[in-house]
Amino acid sequence: MNTRRKISADPLFPIMQEKGLDTCPEGLSARLTEMTVRSYKRNYSAMYKKEEWPGKIILAILLLLNGWMLYVLGHLHPVLIAGIVAFAISTFVLIRLNKSMQS
């Protein structure tokens, strides 16, 4: 009697009754877990991508202003600033190319 109550409380029980199944097929739990995790990751990554661009833009502006202030104060040579900016841009481009080739 206790097992009957447990089975009827299962939300998948009505679907299983429609299909004429008494027990769950093997691997169903693993597949449902995998699908749930994949759906969560997809939804979370889409939400996160929307929020990360303003932060990147603000960070880039702050870094450029800091480099400019160091140049104005005479602590950095302009060639060094140009090299750092070129390195940052090329690193960003390579990361984007790597991500696009993986997907």
PDB file of N, CA and C in Angstrom:
ATOM      1  N   MET A   1       0.816  -1.183   0.000  1.00  0.00           N
ATOM      2  CA  MET A   1       0.000   0.000   0.000  1.00  0.00           C
ATOM      3  C   MET A   1       0.868   1.260   0.000  1.00  0.00           C
ATOM      4  N   ASN A   2       1.951   1.194   0.712  1.00  0.00           N
ATOM      5  CA  ASN A   2       2.848   2.333   0.789  1.00  0.00           C
ATOM      6  C   ASN A   2       3.498   2.613  -0.568  1.00  0.00           C
ATOM      7  N   THR A   3       3.849   1.560  -1.302  1.00  0.00           N
ATOM      8  CA  THR A   3       4.451   1.761  -2.620  1.00  0.00           C
ATOM      9  C   THR A   3       3.431   2.315  -3.600  1.00  0.00           C
ATOM     10  N   ARG A   4       2.184   1.945  -3.460  1.00  0.00           N
ATOM     11  CA  ARG A   4       1.129   2.457  -4.346  1.00  0.00           C
ATOM     12  C   ARG A   4       0.979   3.968  -4.194  1.00  0.00           C
ATOM     13  N   ARG A   5       1.039   4.439  -2.963  1.00  0.00           N
ATOM     14  CA  ARG A   5       0.917   5.875  -2.707  1.00  0.00           C
ATOM     15  C   ARG A   5       2.135   6.601  -3.273  1.00  0.00           C
ATOM     16  N   LYS A   6       3.291   5.996  -3.167  1.00  0.00           N
ATOM     17  CA  LYS A   6       4.518   6.601  -3.672  1.00  0.00           C
ATOM     18  C   LYS A   6       4.462   6.732  -5.200  1.00  0.00           C
ATOM     19  N   ILE A   7       3.970   5.687  -5.872  1.00  0.00           N
ATOM     20  CA  ILE A   7       3.902   5.709  -7.329  1.00  0.00           C
ATOM     21  C   ILE A   7       2.880   6.744  -7.803  1.00  0.00           C
ATOM     22  N   SER A   8       1.743   6.836  -7.148  1.00  0.00           N
ATOM     23  CA  SER A   8       0.724   7.773  -7.601  1.00  0.00           C
ATOM     24  C   SER A   8       1.128   9.221  -7.349  1.00  0.00           C
ATOM     25  N   ALA A   9       2.061   9.465  -6.415  1.00  0.00           N
ATOM     26  CA  ALA A   9       2.538  10.824  -6.164  1.00  0.00           C
ATOM     27  C   ALA A   9       3.563  11.259  -7.205  1.00  0.00           C
ATOM     28  N   ASP A  10       4.057  10.327  -7.988  1.00  0.00           N
ATOM     29  CA  ASP A  10       5.046  10.642  -9.017  1.00  0.00           C
ATOM     30  C   ASP A  10       4.377  11.418 -10.143  1.00  0.00           C
ATOM     31  N   PRO A  11       4.924  12.598 -10.526  1.00  0.00           N
ATOM     32  CA  PRO A  11       4.280  13.379 -11.590  1.00  0.00           C
ATOM     33  C   PRO A  11       4.347  12.704 -12.962  1.00  0.00           C
ATOM     34  N   LEU A  12       5.239  11.755 -13.136  1.00  0.00           N
ATOM     35  CA  LEU A  12       5.329  11.052 -14.418  1.00  0.00           C
ATOM     36  C   LEU A  12       4.382   9.856 -14.501  1.00  0.00           C
ATOM     37  N   PHE A  13       3.752   9.515 -13.396  1.00  0.00           N
ATOM     38  CA  PHE A  13       2.897   8.330 -13.357  1.00  0.00           C
ATOM     39  C   PHE A  13       1.747   8.381 -14.369  1.00  0.00           C
ATOM     40  N   PRO A  14       1.012   9.520 -14.505  1.00  0.00           N
ATOM     41  CA  PRO A  14      -0.067   9.533 -15.509  1.00  0.00           C
ATOM     42  C   PRO A  14       0.447   9.331 -16.937  1.00  0.00           C
ATOM     43  N   ILE A  15       1.589   9.879 -17.239  1.00  0.00           N
ATOM     44  CA  ILE A  15       2.158   9.697 -18.586  1.00  0.00           C
ATOM     45  C   ILE A  15       2.540   8.246 -18.804  1.00  0.00           C
ATOM     46  N   MET A  16       3.118   7.644 -17.767  1.00  0.00           N
ATOM     47  CA  MET A  16       3.503   6.235 -17.886  1.00  0.00           C
ATOM     48  C   MET A  16       2.276   5.347 -18.037  1.00  0.00           C
ATOM     49  N   GLN A  17       1.171   5.687 -17.370  1.00  0.00           N
ATOM     50  CA  GLN A  17      -0.060   4.897 -17.500  1.00  0.00           C
ATOM     51  C   GLN A  17      -0.600   4.989 -18.916  1.00  0.00           C
ATOM     52  N   GLU A  18      -0.510   6.186 -19.535  1.00  0.00           N
ATOM     53  CA  GLU A  18      -0.986   6.341 -20.921  1.00  0.00           C
ATOM     54  C   GLU A  18      -0.220   5.430 -21.866  1.00  0.00           C
ATOM     55  N   LYS A  19       1.087   5.320 -21.630  1.00  0.00           N
ATOM     56  CA  LYS A  19       1.939   4.506 -22.503  1.00  0.00           C
ATOM     57  C   LYS A  19       1.911   3.029 -22.134  1.00  0.00           C
ATOM     58  N   GLY A  20       1.272   2.711 -21.010  1.00  0.00           N
ATOM     59  CA  GLY A  20       1.172   1.317 -20.595  1.00  0.00           C
ATOM     60  C   GLY A  20       2.442   0.801 -19.934  1.00  0.00           C
ATOM     61  N   LEU A  21       3.196   1.670 -19.286  1.00  0.00           N
ATOM     62  CA  LEU A  21       4.433   1.260 -18.630  1.00  0.00           C
ATOM     63  C   LEU A  21       4.205   1.134 -17.125  1.00  0.00           C
ATOM     64  N   ASP A  22       4.748   0.065 -16.550  1.00  0.00           N
ATOM     65  CA  ASP A  22       4.665  -0.104 -15.100  1.00  0.00           C
ATOM     66  C   ASP A  22       5.879   0.502 -14.403  1.00  0.00           C
ATOM     67  N   THR A  23       7.028   0.427 -15.042  1.00  0.00           N
ATOM     68  CA  THR A  23       8.259   0.977 -14.469  1.00  0.00           C
ATOM     69  C   THR A  23       8.906   1.904 -15.489  1.00  0.00           C
ATOM     70  N   CYS A  24       9.775   2.749 -14.988  1.00  0.00           N
ATOM     71  CA  CYS A  24      10.488   3.669 -15.883  1.00  0.00           C
ATOM     72  C   CYS A  24      11.511   2.907 -16.718  1.00  0.00           C
ATOM     73  N   PRO A  25      11.686   3.298 -17.974  1.00  0.00           N
ATOM     74  CA  PRO A  25      12.728   2.673 -18.780  1.00  0.00           C
ATOM     75  C   PRO A  25      14.113   2.950 -18.192  1.00  0.00           C
ATOM     76  N   GLU A  26      15.028   2.075 -18.480  1.00  0.00           N
ATOM     77  CA  GLU A  26      16.382   2.228 -17.947  1.00  0.00           C
ATOM     78  C   GLU A  26      17.048   3.470 -18.544  1.00  0.00           C
ATOM     79  N   GLY A  27      17.655   4.268 -17.705  1.00  0.00           N
ATOM     80  CA  GLY A  27      18.349   5.466 -18.153  1.00  0.00           C
ATOM     81  C   GLY A  27      17.474   6.697 -18.260  1.00  0.00           C
ATOM     82  N   LEU A  28      16.199   6.580 -17.930  1.00  0.00           N
ATOM     83  CA  LEU A  28      15.302   7.728 -18.039  1.00  0.00           C
ATOM     84  C   LEU A  28      15.717   8.851 -17.089  1.00  0.00           C
ATOM     85  N   SER A  29      16.061   8.487 -15.880  1.00  0.00           N
ATOM     86  CA  SER A  29      16.453   9.491 -14.896  1.00  0.00           C
ATOM     87  C   SER A  29      17.707  10.240 -15.342  1.00  0.00           C
ATOM     88  N   ALA A  30      18.672   9.519 -15.865  1.00  0.00           N
ATOM     89  CA  ALA A  30      19.916  10.157 -16.323  1.00  0.00           C
ATOM     90  C   ALA A  30      19.641  11.091 -17.498  1.00  0.00           C
ATOM     91  N   ARG A  31      18.789  10.656 -18.423  1.00  0.00           N
ATOM     92  CA  ARG A  31      18.462  11.510 -19.574  1.00  0.00           C
ATOM     93  C   ARG A  31      17.703  12.759 -19.154  1.00  0.00           C
ATOM     94  N   LEU A  32      16.747  12.621 -18.231  1.00  0.00           N
ATOM     95  CA  LEU A  32      16.003  13.783 -17.745  1.00  0.00           C
ATOM     96  C   LEU A  32      16.923  14.760 -17.020  1.00  0.00           C
ATOM     97  N   THR A  33      17.835  14.233 -16.221  1.00  0.00           N
ATOM     98  CA  THR A  33      18.788  15.100 -15.516  1.00  0.00           C
ATOM     99  C   THR A  33      19.678  15.833 -16.508  1.00  0.00           C
ATOM    100  N   GLU A  34      20.168  15.114 -17.506  1.00  0.00           N
ATOM    101  CA  GLU A  34      21.033  15.732 -18.516  1.00  0.00           C
ATOM    102  C   GLU A  34      20.286  16.817 -19.291  1.00  0.00           C
ATOM    103  N   MET A  35      19.037  16.556 -19.659  1.00  0.00           N
ATOM    104  CA  MET A  35      18.257  17.546 -20.399  1.00  0.00           C
ATOM    105  C   MET A  35      17.981  18.774 -19.544  1.00  0.00           C
ATOM    106  N   THR A  36      17.710  18.581 -18.253  1.00  0.00           N
ATOM    107  CA  THR A  36      17.455  19.701 -17.356  1.00  0.00           C
ATOM    108  C   THR A  36      18.696  20.567 -17.193  1.00  0.00           C
ATOM    109  N   VAL A  37      19.843  19.930 -16.984  1.00  0.00           N
ATOM    110  CA  VAL A  37      21.097  20.678 -16.822  1.00  0.00           C
ATOM    111  C   VAL A  37      21.441  21.427 -18.101  1.00  0.00           C
ATOM    112  N   ARG A  38      21.265  20.784 -19.253  1.00  0.00           N
ATOM    113  CA  ARG A  38      21.572  21.430 -20.529  1.00  0.00           C
ATOM    114  C   ARG A  38      20.659  22.636 -20.764  1.00  0.00           C
ATOM    115  N   SER A  39      19.377  22.495 -20.435  1.00  0.00           N
ATOM    116  CA  SER A  39      18.437  23.605 -20.589  1.00  0.00           C
ATOM    117  C   SER A  39      18.800  24.760 -19.666  1.00  0.00           C
ATOM    118  N   TYR A  40      19.175  24.442 -18.434  1.00  0.00           N
ATOM    119  CA  TYR A  40      19.554  25.494 -17.482  1.00  0.00           C
ATOM    120  C   TYR A  40      20.798  26.228 -17.961  1.00  0.00           C
ATOM    121  N   LYS A  41      21.797  25.477 -18.433  1.00  0.00           N
ATOM    122  CA  LYS A  41      23.030  26.117 -18.908  1.00  0.00           C
ATOM    123  C   LYS A  41      22.747  27.019 -20.098  1.00  0.00           C
ATOM    124  N   ARG A  42      21.907  26.563 -21.017  1.00  0.00           N
ATOM    125  CA  ARG A  42      21.599  27.360 -22.203  1.00  0.00           C
ATOM    126  C   ARG A  42      20.877  28.652 -21.808  1.00  0.00           C
ATOM    127  N   ASN A  43      19.897  28.554 -20.925  1.00  0.00           N
ATOM    128  CA  ASN A  43      19.159  29.741 -20.499  1.00  0.00           C
ATOM    129  C   ASN A  43      20.041  30.678 -19.681  1.00  0.00           C
ATOM    130  N   TYR A  44      20.883  30.136 -18.821  1.00  0.00           N
ATOM    131  CA  TYR A  44      21.746  30.973 -17.987  1.00  0.00           C
ATOM    132  C   TYR A  44      22.793  31.668 -18.834  1.00  0.00           C
ATOM    133  N   SER A  45      23.367  30.957 -19.811  1.00  0.00           N
ATOM    134  CA  SER A  45      24.403  31.577 -20.638  1.00  0.00           C
ATOM    135  C   SER A  45      23.808  32.684 -21.499  1.00  0.00           C
ATOM    136  N   ALA A  46      22.584  32.513 -21.993  1.00  0.00           N
ATOM    137  CA  ALA A  46      21.955  33.571 -22.784  1.00  0.00           C
ATOM    138  C   ALA A  46      21.687  34.793 -21.922  1.00  0.00           C
ATOM    139  N   MET A  47      21.265  34.580 -20.682  1.00  0.00           N
ATOM    140  CA  MET A  47      21.006  35.696 -19.781  1.00  0.00           C
ATOM    141  C   MET A  47      22.318  36.390 -19.422  1.00  0.00           C
ATOM    142  N   TYR A  48      23.392  35.614 -19.193  1.00  0.00           N
ATOM    143  CA  TYR A  48      24.665  36.186 -18.792  1.00  0.00           C
ATOM    144  C   TYR A  48      25.295  36.984 -19.925  1.00  0.00           C
ATOM    145  N   LYS A  49      25.159  36.514 -21.155  1.00  0.00           N
ATOM    146  CA  LYS A  49      25.753  37.225 -22.290  1.00  0.00           C
ATOM    147  C   LYS A  49      25.138  38.606 -22.456  1.00  0.00           C
ATOM    148  N   LYS A  50      23.872  38.747 -22.131  1.00  0.00           N
ATOM    149  CA  LYS A  50      23.226  40.054 -22.235  1.00  0.00           C
ATOM    150  C   LYS A  50      23.807  41.024 -21.229  1.00  0.00           C
ATOM    151  N   GLU A  51      24.230  40.522 -20.079  1.00  0.00           N
ATOM    152  CA  GLU A  51      24.680  41.385 -19.003  1.00  0.00           C
ATOM    153  C   GLU A  51      26.178  41.651 -19.030  1.00  0.00           C
ATOM    154  N   GLU A  52      26.966  40.903 -19.789  1.00  0.00           N
ATOM    155  CA  GLU A  52      28.416  41.051 -19.709  1.00  0.00           C
ATOM    156  C   GLU A  52      28.959  42.167 -20.598  1.00  0.00           C
ATOM    157  N   TRP A  53      28.268  42.556 -21.659  1.00  0.00           N
ATOM    158  CA  TRP A  53      28.803  43.571 -22.563  1.00  0.00           C
ATOM    159  C   TRP A  53      28.950  44.951 -21.930  1.00  0.00           C
ATOM    160  N   PRO A  54      27.989  45.454 -21.177  1.00  0.00           N
ATOM    161  CA  PRO A  54      28.205  46.770 -20.550  1.00  0.00           C
ATOM    162  C   PRO A  54      29.412  46.781 -19.620  1.00  0.00           C
ATOM    163  N   GLY A  55      29.623  45.689 -18.899  1.00  0.00           N
ATOM    164  CA  GLY A  55      30.775  45.610 -18.006  1.00  0.00           C
ATOM    165  C   GLY A  55      32.089  45.628 -18.767  1.00  0.00           C
ATOM    166  N   LYS A  56      32.132  44.932 -19.885  1.00  0.00           N
ATOM    167  CA  LYS A  56      33.360  44.917 -20.698  1.00  0.00           C
ATOM    168  C   LYS A  56      33.646  46.301 -21.282  1.00  0.00           C
ATOM    169  N   ILE A  57      32.609  46.977 -21.716  1.00  0.00           N
ATOM    170  CA  ILE A  57      32.798  48.317 -22.293  1.00  0.00           C
ATOM    171  C   ILE A  57      33.292  49.288 -21.225  1.00  0.00           C
ATOM    172  N   ILE A  58      32.681  49.239 -20.049  1.00  0.00           N
ATOM    173  CA  ILE A  58      33.107  50.123 -18.960  1.00  0.00           C
ATOM    174  C   ILE A  58      34.546  49.823 -18.550  1.00  0.00           C
ATOM    175  N   LEU A  59      34.907  48.553 -18.470  1.00  0.00           N
ATOM    176  CA  LEU A  59      36.269  48.172 -18.115  1.00  0.00           C
ATOM    177  C   LEU A  59      37.272  48.661 -19.155  1.00  0.00           C
ATOM    178  N   ALA A  60      36.943  48.540 -20.431  1.00  0.00           N
ATOM    179  CA  ALA A  60      37.843  49.008 -21.488  1.00  0.00           C
ATOM    180  C   ALA A  60      38.030  50.523 -21.409  1.00  0.00           C
ATOM    181  N   ILE A  61      36.946  51.246 -21.175  1.00  0.00           N
ATOM    182  CA  ILE A  61      37.055  52.710 -21.061  1.00  0.00           C
ATOM    183  C   ILE A  61      37.928  53.097 -19.874  1.00  0.00           C
ATOM    184  N   LEU A  62      37.742  52.424 -18.742  1.00  0.00           N
ATOM    185  CA  LEU A  62      38.549  52.722 -17.558  1.00  0.00           C
ATOM    186  C   LEU A  62      40.030  52.414 -17.794  1.00  0.00           C
ATOM    187  N   LEU A  63      40.307  51.307 -18.453  1.00  0.00           N
ATOM    188  CA  LEU A  63      41.710  50.979 -18.749  1.00  0.00           C
ATOM    189  C   LEU A  63      42.337  51.990 -19.697  1.00  0.00           C
ATOM    190  N   LEU A  64      41.599  52.417 -20.704  1.00  0.00           N
ATOM    191  CA  LEU A  64      42.132  53.419 -21.629  1.00  0.00           C
ATOM    192  C   LEU A  64      42.369  54.757 -20.917  1.00  0.00           C
ATOM    193  N   LEU A  65      41.449  55.156 -20.052  1.00  0.00           N
ATOM    194  CA  LEU A  65      41.628  56.403 -19.310  1.00  0.00           C
ATOM    195  C   LEU A  65      42.813  56.323 -18.350  1.00  0.00           C
ATOM    196  N   ASN A  66      43.011  55.169 -17.722  1.00  0.00           N
ATOM    197  CA  ASN A  66      44.174  55.013 -16.846  1.00  0.00           C
ATOM    198  C   ASN A  66      45.471  55.086 -17.630  1.00  0.00           C
ATOM    199  N   GLY A  67      45.517  54.452 -18.776  1.00  0.00           N
ATOM    200  CA  GLY A  67      46.715  54.533 -19.620  1.00  0.00           C
ATOM    201  C   GLY A  67      46.971  55.954 -20.090  1.00  0.00           C
ATOM    202  N   TRP A  68      45.914  56.639 -20.450  1.00  0.00           N
ATOM    203  CA  TRP A  68      46.064  58.033 -20.882  1.00  0.00           C
ATOM    204  C   TRP A  68      46.582  58.919 -19.753  1.00  0.00           C
ATOM    205  N   MET A  69      46.059  58.719 -18.536  1.00  0.00           N
ATOM    206  CA  MET A  69      46.527  59.510 -17.391  1.00  0.00           C
ATOM    207  C   MET A  69      47.994  59.235 -17.079  1.00  0.00           C
ATOM    208  N   LEU A  70      48.420  57.989 -17.178  1.00  0.00           N
ATOM    209  CA  LEU A  70      49.840  57.682 -16.955  1.00  0.00           C
ATOM    210  C   LEU A  70      50.714  58.324 -18.032  1.00  0.00           C
ATOM    211  N   TYR A  71      50.217  58.364 -19.258  1.00  0.00           N
ATOM    212  CA  TYR A  71      50.966  59.019 -20.325  1.00  0.00           C
ATOM    213  C   TYR A  71      51.060  60.526 -20.076  1.00  0.00           C
ATOM    214  N   VAL A  72      49.951  61.139 -19.676  1.00  0.00           N
ATOM    215  CA  VAL A  72      49.929  62.580 -19.421  1.00  0.00           C
ATOM    216  C   VAL A  72      50.864  62.928 -18.260  1.00  0.00           C
ATOM    217  N   LEU A  73      50.897  62.099 -17.260  1.00  0.00           N
ATOM    218  CA  LEU A  73      51.756  62.358 -16.113  1.00  0.00           C
ATOM    219  C   LEU A  73      53.225  62.059 -16.408  1.00  0.00           C
ATOM    220  N   GLY A  74      53.512  61.433 -17.536  1.00  0.00           N
ATOM    221  CA  GLY A  74      54.886  61.194 -17.955  1.00  0.00           C
ATOM    222  C   GLY A  74      55.503  59.921 -17.423  1.00  0.00           C
ATOM    223  N   HIS A  75      54.685  59.012 -16.921  1.00  0.00           N
ATOM    224  CA  HIS A  75      55.233  57.791 -16.358  1.00  0.00           C
ATOM    225  C   HIS A  75      55.328  56.645 -17.364  1.00  0.00           C
ATOM    226  N   LEU A  76      54.651  56.753 -18.472  1.00  0.00           N
ATOM    227  CA  LEU A  76      54.685  55.698 -19.482  1.00  0.00           C
ATOM    228  C   LEU A  76      55.041  56.289 -20.840  1.00  0.00           C
ATOM    229  N   HIS A  77      55.806  55.521 -21.570  1.00  0.00           N
ATOM    230  CA  HIS A  77      56.151  55.921 -22.928  1.00  0.00           C
ATOM    231  C   HIS A  77      54.980  55.574 -23.849  1.00  0.00           C
ATOM    232  N   PRO A  78      54.693  56.407 -24.855  1.00  0.00           N
ATOM    233  CA  PRO A  78      53.540  56.141 -25.734  1.00  0.00           C
ATOM    234  C   PRO A  78      53.648  54.820 -26.495  1.00  0.00           C
ATOM    235  N   VAL A  79      54.863  54.383 -26.802  1.00  0.00           N
ATOM    236  CA  VAL A  79      55.017  53.104 -27.511  1.00  0.00           C
ATOM    237  C   VAL A  79      54.582  51.950 -26.605  1.00  0.00           C
ATOM    238  N   LEU A  80      54.867  52.044 -25.339  1.00  0.00           N
ATOM    239  CA  LEU A  80      54.458  51.006 -24.401  1.00  0.00           C
ATOM    240  C   LEU A  80      52.926  50.932 -24.304  1.00  0.00           C
ATOM    241  N   ILE A  81      52.274  52.075 -24.250  1.00  0.00           N
ATOM    242  CA  ILE A  81      50.804  52.105 -24.204  1.00  0.00           C
ATOM    243  C   ILE A  81      50.220  51.495 -25.480  1.00  0.00           C
ATOM    244  N   ALA A  82      50.792  51.863 -26.636  1.00  0.00           N
ATOM    245  CA  ALA A  82      50.301  51.315 -27.900  1.00  0.00           C
ATOM    246  C   ALA A  82      50.499  49.800 -27.948  1.00  0.00           C
ATOM    247  N   GLY A  83      51.609  49.315 -27.427  1.00  0.00           N
ATOM    248  CA  GLY A  83      51.870  47.870 -27.400  1.00  0.00           C
ATOM    249  C   GLY A  83      50.891  47.137 -26.505  1.00  0.00           C
ATOM    250  N   ILE A  84      50.596  47.722 -25.356  1.00  0.00           N
ATOM    251  CA  ILE A  84      49.645  47.093 -24.434  1.00  0.00           C
ATOM    252  C   ILE A  84      48.248  47.052 -25.046  1.00  0.00           C
ATOM    253  N   VAL A  85      47.842  48.132 -25.688  1.00  0.00           N
ATOM    254  CA  VAL A  85      46.522  48.175 -26.342  1.00  0.00           C
ATOM    255  C   VAL A  85      46.452  47.156 -27.482  1.00  0.00           C
ATOM    256  N   ALA A  86      47.512  47.083 -28.279  1.00  0.00           N
ATOM    257  CA  ALA A  86      47.534  46.115 -29.380  1.00  0.00           C
ATOM    258  C   ALA A  86      47.488  44.682 -28.846  1.00  0.00           C
ATOM    259  N   PHE A  87      48.224  44.422 -27.764  1.00  0.00           N
ATOM    260  CA  PHE A  87      48.204  43.090 -27.164  1.00  0.00           C
ATOM    261  C   PHE A  87      46.805  42.747 -26.655  1.00  0.00           C
ATOM    262  N   ALA A  88      46.146  43.681 -25.999  1.00  0.00           N
ATOM    263  CA  ALA A  88      44.801  43.434 -25.465  1.00  0.00           C
ATOM    264  C   ALA A  88      43.800  43.166 -26.591  1.00  0.00           C
ATOM    265  N   ILE A  89      43.875  43.961 -27.648  1.00  0.00           N
ATOM    266  CA  ILE A  89      42.943  43.777 -28.768  1.00  0.00           C
ATOM    267  C   ILE A  89      43.194  42.443 -29.463  1.00  0.00           C
ATOM    268  N   SER A  90      44.454  42.103 -29.692  1.00  0.00           N
ATOM    269  CA  SER A  90      44.747  40.836 -30.376  1.00  0.00           C
ATOM    270  C   SER A  90      44.359  39.645 -29.512  1.00  0.00           C
ATOM    271  N   THR A  91      44.536  39.737 -28.194  1.00  0.00           N
ATOM    272  CA  THR A  91      44.111  38.653 -27.310  1.00  0.00           C
ATOM    273  C   THR A  91      42.591  38.480 -27.368  1.00  0.00           C
ATOM    274  N   PHE A  92      41.861  39.579 -27.354  1.00  0.00           N
ATOM    275  CA  PHE A  92      40.408  39.514 -27.445  1.00  0.00           C
ATOM    276  C   PHE A  92      39.968  38.879 -28.765  1.00  0.00           C
ATOM    277  N   VAL A  93      40.599  39.271 -29.865  1.00  0.00           N
ATOM    278  CA  VAL A  93      40.253  38.708 -31.181  1.00  0.00           C
ATOM    279  C   VAL A  93      40.547  37.213 -31.222  1.00  0.00           C
ATOM    280  N   LEU A  94      41.688  36.792 -30.680  1.00  0.00           N
ATOM    281  CA  LEU A  94      42.024  35.362 -30.680  1.00  0.00           C
ATOM    282  C   LEU A  94      41.056  34.556 -29.819  1.00  0.00           C
ATOM    283  N   ILE A  95      40.630  35.108 -28.705  1.00  0.00           N
ATOM    284  CA  ILE A  95      39.657  34.407 -27.861  1.00  0.00           C
ATOM    285  C   ILE A  95      38.331  34.252 -28.605  1.00  0.00           C
ATOM    286  N   ARG A  96      37.884  35.298 -29.275  1.00  0.00           N
ATOM    287  CA  ARG A  96      36.631  35.225 -30.037  1.00  0.00           C
ATOM    288  C   ARG A  96      36.735  34.206 -31.179  1.00  0.00           C
ATOM    289  N   LEU A  97      37.879  34.175 -31.877  1.00  0.00           N
ATOM    290  CA  LEU A  97      38.059  33.198 -32.952  1.00  0.00           C
ATOM    291  C   LEU A  97      38.047  31.778 -32.405  1.00  0.00           C
ATOM    292  N   ASN A  98      38.683  31.576 -31.270  1.00  0.00           N
ATOM    293  CA  ASN A  98      38.711  30.263 -30.661  1.00  0.00           C
ATOM    294  C   ASN A  98      37.311  29.800 -30.268  1.00  0.00           C
ATOM    295  N   LYS A  99      36.522  30.691 -29.687  1.00  0.00           N
ATOM    296  CA  LYS A  99      35.150  30.341 -29.301  1.00  0.00           C
ATOM    297  C   LYS A  99      34.298  30.042 -30.527  1.00  0.00           C
ATOM    298  N   SER A 100      34.476  30.810 -31.595  1.00  0.00           N
ATOM    299  CA  SER A 100      33.652  30.581 -32.786  1.00  0.00           C
ATOM    300  C   SER A 100      34.028  29.273 -33.483  1.00  0.00           C
ATOM    301  N   MET A 101      35.289  28.882 -33.410  1.00  0.00           N
ATOM    302  CA  MET A 101      35.710  27.635 -34.048  1.00  0.00           C
ATOM    303  C   MET A 101      35.268  26.429 -33.231  1.00  0.00           C
ATOM    304  N   GLN A 102      35.120  26.574 -31.919  1.00  0.00           N
ATOM    305  CA  GLN A 102      34.677  25.461 -31.080  1.00  0.00           C
ATOM    306  C   GLN A 102      33.192  25.166 -31.246  1.00  0.00           C
ATOM    307  N   SER A 103      32.400  26.178 -31.520  1.00  0.00           N
ATOM    308  CA  SER A 103      30.954  25.942 -31.634  1.00  0.00           C
ATOM    309  C   SER A 103      30.526  25.648 -33.040  1.00  0.00           C
TER     310      SER A 103
END
